[in-house]
Amino acid sequence: MRFQDKIVWITGASSGIGEALAYRFASEGAKLIISSRREQELQRVKEKISGECLIICLDLTDSNSVDNAVNTAIEHYGKVDILVNNAGISQRAFAIDTQEIVDRKIMEVNYFGTINLTKKLLPYMINNGGGQIAVITSLVGKFGFPLRSAYAASKHALHGFFETLQLELKPHHIYTTIICPGRIKTNVSLHALNGDGSVYGKMDAGQEKGMKVEDCAQKIVNAIYQKHREIYIGKADTLMIYLKRYLPSLFHFIASRIKPL
């Protein structure tokens, strides 16, 4: 098994991609740490895992919670081999209708919380002689898209940060994998925020037709094992990356006509 006895920490593991990753890593022999704010859902996930699995409840917007989580992880296992930064929150509102508090909340969870956890775990990885950090961003970390202004901004920011880490951490034998999913069939739209901070609470039609979350998780685990620097996961939506890069006028034409929900 490719991850036999590796210590793998997955945030946002109570549902969606994070949950599917927990099952996949466990099936390949990893010892898990699963985190989110929802302890009951984490317990549900743990019950489906036969191997070793530690629950650490974590609020990425609370620096003390992050400190306590890192301390608990190190005290329990002594190290973390792979950190999968998966936790995040999406958006379903026009930029002009999105209140400042919502912009800030999305950035706090998706960007500041993620880099805070990463930076606090890094010294332990360096002292251990290496490791790997994966971050789940999005295709909209590579281009803007309607109703996703704050979400896209937070994911763009992650790219800047983790691309820098790829260069800075090479001497320490720490690999960084940036993972950009498109439309994956999860509940991400159900938990997305409206412009006033209320929960969107609907399944997007595009999300409903997206790639199966189990297939997405398999591709992510393969990419981490192969130490890819960056990968794109989805169906036809991944083509938008290349249109933006090579045919920007066509990209803008198509993006302005795709239904964002």
Protein backbone atom coordinates (compact mmCIF):
# COMPACT_ATOMS: atom_id res chain seq x y z
CA MET A 1 0.00 0.00 0.00
CA ARG A 2 1.43 3.34 -1.09
CA PHE A 3 0.85 5.25 2.14
CA GLN A 4 1.48 2.47 4.65
CA ASP A 5 1.93 4.01 8.13
CA LYS A 6 2.18 7.55 6.75
CA ILE A 7 0.56 10.17 9.01
CA VAL A 8 -1.95 12.06 6.86
CA TRP A 9 -3.87 15.08 8.21
CA ILE A 10 -6.98 16.08 6.25
CA THR A 11 -8.93 19.26 7.03
CA GLY A 12 -12.56 19.61 6.01
CA ALA A 13 -12.85 15.85 6.41
CA SER A 14 -16.47 15.74 7.60
CA SER A 15 -17.95 15.72 4.10
CA GLY A 16 -17.29 15.99 0.38
CA ILE A 17 -13.78 15.70 -1.00
CA GLY A 18 -12.22 15.58 2.47
CA GLU A 19 -14.37 12.66 3.55
CA ALA A 20 -13.67 10.77 0.32
CA LEU A 21 -9.93 11.40 0.77
CA ALA A 22 -10.06 9.98 4.30
CA TYR A 23 -11.49 6.70 3.01
CA ARG A 24 -9.01 6.55 0.13
CA PHE A 25 -5.91 7.24 2.24
CA ALA A 26 -7.11 4.78 4.90
CA SER A 27 -7.53 2.08 2.25
CA GLU A 28 -3.88 2.63 1.31
CA GLY A 29 -2.56 2.12 4.83
CA ALA A 30 -2.31 5.69 6.13
CA LYS A 31 -2.79 6.68 9.76
CA LEU A 32 -5.23 9.55 9.71
CA ILE A 33 -5.95 12.82 11.43
CA ILE A 34 -9.34 14.18 10.35
CA SER A 35 -10.45 17.69 11.18
CA SER A 36 -13.39 20.04 10.81
CA ARG A 37 -15.66 21.99 13.15
CA ARG A 38 -18.34 19.27 13.14
CA GLU A 39 -17.31 16.57 15.62
CA GLN A 40 -20.43 14.45 15.13
CA GLU A 41 -19.79 14.21 11.39
CA LEU A 42 -16.13 13.39 12.00
CA GLN A 43 -17.23 10.56 14.29
CA ARG A 44 -19.45 9.25 11.47
CA VAL A 45 -16.47 9.27 9.10
CA LYS A 46 -14.20 7.60 11.65
CA GLU A 47 -16.67 4.76 12.15
CA LYS A 48 -16.23 3.82 8.48
CA ILE A 49 -12.44 3.65 8.77
CA SER A 50 -10.87 0.43 9.98
CA GLY A 51 -7.36 1.80 10.50
CA GLU A 52 -5.97 4.30 12.99
CA CYS A 53 -7.81 7.62 12.90
CA LEU A 54 -7.53 10.61 15.26
CA ILE A 55 -10.26 13.26 15.37
CA ILE A 56 -9.11 16.83 16.02
CA CYS A 57 -11.87 19.43 15.91
CA LEU A 58 -10.55 22.57 14.28
CA ASP A 59 -11.79 26.10 13.57
CA LEU A 60 -9.40 27.62 11.03
CA THR A 61 -10.59 31.13 11.87
CA ASP A 62 -9.41 30.74 15.49
CA SER A 63 -5.62 30.87 15.89
CA ASN A 64 -5.79 29.23 19.32
CA SER A 65 -7.76 26.35 17.81
CA VAL A 66 -5.04 25.94 15.18
CA ASP A 67 -2.29 25.98 17.84
CA ASN A 68 -4.10 23.37 19.92
CA ALA A 69 -4.72 21.18 16.87
CA VAL A 70 -1.05 21.17 15.85
CA ASN A 71 0.05 20.41 19.41
CA THR A 72 -2.46 17.55 19.68
CA ALA A 73 -1.36 16.06 16.35
CA ILE A 74 2.34 16.14 17.26
CA GLU A 75 1.77 14.84 20.78
CA HIS A 76 -0.25 11.91 19.43
CA TYR A 77 1.80 10.84 16.40
CA GLY A 78 5.10 12.69 16.83
CA LYS A 79 4.98 13.94 13.24
CA VAL A 80 2.77 14.61 10.23
CA ASP A 81 3.99 13.28 6.88
CA ILE A 82 1.27 14.75 4.66
CA LEU A 83 -1.02 17.72 5.32
CA VAL A 84 -4.05 18.01 3.03
CA ASN A 85 -5.51 21.51 3.28
CA ASN A 86 -9.04 20.85 2.09
CA ALA A 87 -11.32 22.93 4.35
CA GLY A 88 -13.05 25.86 2.72
CA ILE A 89 -16.28 27.69 2.02
CA SER A 90 -17.77 28.84 -1.27
CA GLN A 91 -19.95 31.74 -2.41
CA ARG A 92 -23.05 32.33 -4.53
CA ALA A 93 -23.46 36.09 -4.90
CA PHE A 94 -22.51 38.94 -7.21
CA ALA A 95 -19.55 40.98 -5.99
CA ILE A 96 -21.67 44.13 -5.71
CA ASP A 97 -24.15 42.32 -3.46
CA THR A 98 -21.54 40.70 -1.20
CA GLN A 99 -21.07 42.38 2.16
CA GLU A 100 -17.58 43.08 3.46
CA ILE A 101 -18.05 40.68 6.37
CA VAL A 102 -18.68 37.85 3.87
CA ASP A 103 -15.58 38.72 1.83
CA ARG A 104 -13.54 38.66 5.02
CA LYS A 105 -15.06 35.41 6.30
CA ILE A 106 -14.28 33.59 3.07
CA MET A 107 -10.71 34.88 3.10
CA GLU A 108 -10.29 33.97 6.79
CA VAL A 109 -11.35 30.36 6.21
CA ASN A 110 -9.97 29.65 2.76
CA TYR A 111 -6.72 31.63 2.87
CA PHE A 112 -5.61 32.88 6.27
CA GLY A 113 -6.72 29.78 8.17
CA THR A 114 -5.09 27.46 5.65
CA ILE A 115 -1.73 29.23 5.60
CA ASN A 116 -1.77 29.61 9.39
CA LEU A 117 -2.13 25.85 9.88
CA THR A 118 0.51 25.18 7.24
CA LYS A 119 3.06 27.59 8.72
CA LYS A 120 2.59 26.23 12.24
CA LEU A 121 3.12 22.65 11.09
CA LEU A 122 6.10 23.39 8.84
CA PRO A 123 8.79 23.52 11.58
CA TYR A 124 7.88 19.97 12.60
CA MET A 125 8.10 18.77 9.00
CA ILE A 126 11.48 20.44 8.58
CA ASN A 127 12.78 18.91 11.81
CA ASN A 128 11.50 15.53 10.63
CA GLY A 129 13.54 15.79 7.44
CA GLY A 130 10.72 16.42 4.98
CA GLY A 131 7.08 15.92 4.17
CA GLN A 132 4.34 16.94 1.79
CA ILE A 133 1.67 19.62 1.76
CA ALA A 134 -1.34 19.44 -0.54
CA VAL A 135 -3.83 22.25 -0.92
CA ILE A 136 -7.25 21.94 -2.54
CA THR A 137 -7.87 25.16 -4.41
CA SER A 138 -10.21 25.29 -7.43
CA LEU A 139 -10.26 25.89 -11.15
CA VAL A 140 -11.42 29.39 -10.19
CA GLY A 141 -8.06 29.77 -8.50
CA LYS A 142 -6.85 30.14 -12.09
CA PHE A 143 -9.62 32.37 -13.47
CA GLY A 144 -12.54 34.48 -12.25
CA PHE A 145 -16.14 33.28 -12.54
CA PRO A 146 -19.55 34.91 -11.86
CA LEU A 147 -20.95 34.71 -8.30
CA ARG A 148 -17.55 33.62 -6.96
CA SER A 149 -15.61 36.88 -6.50
CA ALA A 150 -14.43 36.34 -2.89
CA TYR A 151 -14.10 32.60 -3.37
CA ALA A 152 -11.99 33.03 -6.53
CA ALA A 153 -9.88 35.69 -4.79
CA SER A 154 -9.17 33.37 -1.86
CA LYS A 155 -8.17 30.55 -4.19
CA HIS A 156 -5.96 32.85 -6.29
CA ALA A 157 -4.23 33.87 -3.07
CA LEU A 158 -3.57 30.23 -2.18
CA HIS A 159 -1.85 29.73 -5.52
CA GLY A 160 0.50 32.63 -4.86
CA PHE A 161 1.36 31.36 -1.40
CA PHE A 162 1.85 27.68 -2.22
CA GLU A 163 3.72 28.31 -5.47
CA THR A 164 6.17 30.31 -3.35
CA LEU A 165 6.41 27.46 -0.84
CA GLN A 166 7.28 25.06 -3.65
CA LEU A 167 10.44 27.08 -4.25
CA GLU A 168 11.29 27.90 -0.65
CA LEU A 169 10.88 24.41 0.78
CA LYS A 170 12.80 22.46 -1.84
CA PRO A 171 16.01 22.43 0.26
CA HIS A 172 14.00 20.95 3.14
CA HIS A 173 12.63 18.05 1.04
CA ILE A 174 9.05 19.24 1.50
CA TYR A 175 6.88 18.84 -1.59
CA THR A 176 3.82 20.96 -2.33
CA THR A 177 0.93 19.82 -4.51
CA ILE A 178 -1.69 22.32 -5.66
CA ILE A 179 -4.96 20.62 -6.61
CA CYS A 180 -7.58 22.46 -8.66
CA PRO A 181 -10.95 20.68 -8.82
CA GLY A 182 -13.72 21.88 -11.07
CA ARG A 183 -17.32 20.81 -10.59
CA ILE A 184 -17.31 17.81 -8.28
CA LYS A 185 -20.54 16.26 -6.99
CA THR A 186 -20.40 17.38 -3.35
CA ASN A 187 -22.49 19.54 -1.04
CA VAL A 188 -20.21 22.56 -1.44
CA SER A 189 -22.97 24.69 -2.95
CA LEU A 190 -25.34 23.78 -0.11
CA HIS A 191 -22.95 25.37 2.39
CA ALA A 192 -21.96 28.34 0.19
CA LEU A 193 -22.66 31.88 1.39
CA ASN A 194 -25.03 34.42 -0.09
CA GLY A 195 -24.04 38.05 -0.19
CA ASP A 196 -25.54 38.74 3.25
CA GLY A 197 -23.80 35.79 4.86
CA SER A 198 -26.81 33.47 4.86
CA VAL A 199 -26.38 29.92 3.60
CA TYR A 200 -27.21 29.33 -0.06
CA GLY A 201 -28.67 25.91 0.73
CA LYS A 202 -29.19 24.62 -2.81
CA MET A 203 -27.51 22.04 -5.00
CA ASP A 204 -26.23 23.67 -8.17
CA ALA A 205 -27.25 21.93 -11.36
CA GLY A 206 -23.63 22.04 -12.50
CA GLN A 207 -22.49 20.54 -9.20
CA GLU A 208 -25.09 17.77 -9.47
CA LYS A 209 -23.65 16.78 -12.86
CA GLY A 210 -20.04 17.03 -11.71
CA MET A 211 -17.42 14.34 -11.36
CA LYS A 212 -18.07 11.71 -8.69
CA VAL A 213 -16.30 12.64 -5.48
CA GLU A 214 -14.75 9.18 -5.20
CA ASP A 215 -13.14 9.58 -8.63
CA CYS A 216 -11.87 13.01 -7.65
CA ALA A 217 -10.36 11.63 -4.44
CA GLN A 218 -8.58 8.88 -6.35
CA LYS A 219 -7.01 11.43 -8.70
CA ILE A 220 -5.92 13.58 -5.77
CA VAL A 221 -4.30 10.67 -3.94
CA ASN A 222 -2.49 9.65 -7.14
CA ALA A 223 -1.21 13.20 -7.61
CA ILE A 224 0.04 13.38 -4.03
CA TYR A 225 1.80 10.03 -4.36
CA GLN A 226 3.44 11.18 -7.60
CA LYS A 227 4.35 14.55 -6.02
CA HIS A 228 2.84 16.62 -8.82
CA ARG A 229 3.22 20.37 -8.41
CA GLU A 230 -0.23 21.21 -9.79
CA ILE A 231 -3.15 19.28 -11.26
CA TYR A 232 -6.61 20.07 -12.65
CA ILE A 233 -9.51 17.73 -11.94
CA GLY A 234 -12.94 17.74 -13.54
CA LYS A 235 -14.71 17.14 -16.79
CA ALA A 236 -14.92 19.58 -19.71
CA ASP A 237 -14.60 22.48 -17.26
CA THR A 238 -10.84 21.87 -17.05
CA LEU A 239 -10.56 23.08 -20.66
CA MET A 240 -11.25 26.60 -19.40
CA ILE A 241 -7.72 26.66 -17.94
CA TYR A 242 -6.19 26.26 -21.38
CA LEU A 243 -8.64 28.61 -23.08
CA LYS A 244 -7.74 31.32 -20.56
CA ARG A 245 -4.04 30.72 -21.17
CA TYR A 246 -3.98 30.42 -24.96
CA LEU A 247 -7.28 31.87 -26.25
CA PRO A 248 -8.31 34.50 -23.68
CA SER A 249 -10.92 36.14 -25.93
CA LEU A 250 -12.68 32.80 -26.43
CA PHE A 251 -12.43 32.11 -22.70
CA HIS A 252 -14.19 35.38 -21.83
CA PHE A 253 -16.85 34.72 -24.45
CA ILE A 254 -17.62 31.25 -23.03
CA ALA A 255 -17.28 32.21 -19.35
CA SER A 256 -19.79 35.04 -19.75
CA ARG A 257 -22.36 32.56 -21.08
CA ILE A 258 -21.90 29.58 -18.78
CA LYS A 259 -24.63 29.29 -16.17
CA PRO A 260 -22.82 29.85 -12.84
CA LEU A 261 -25.29 27.77 -10.78
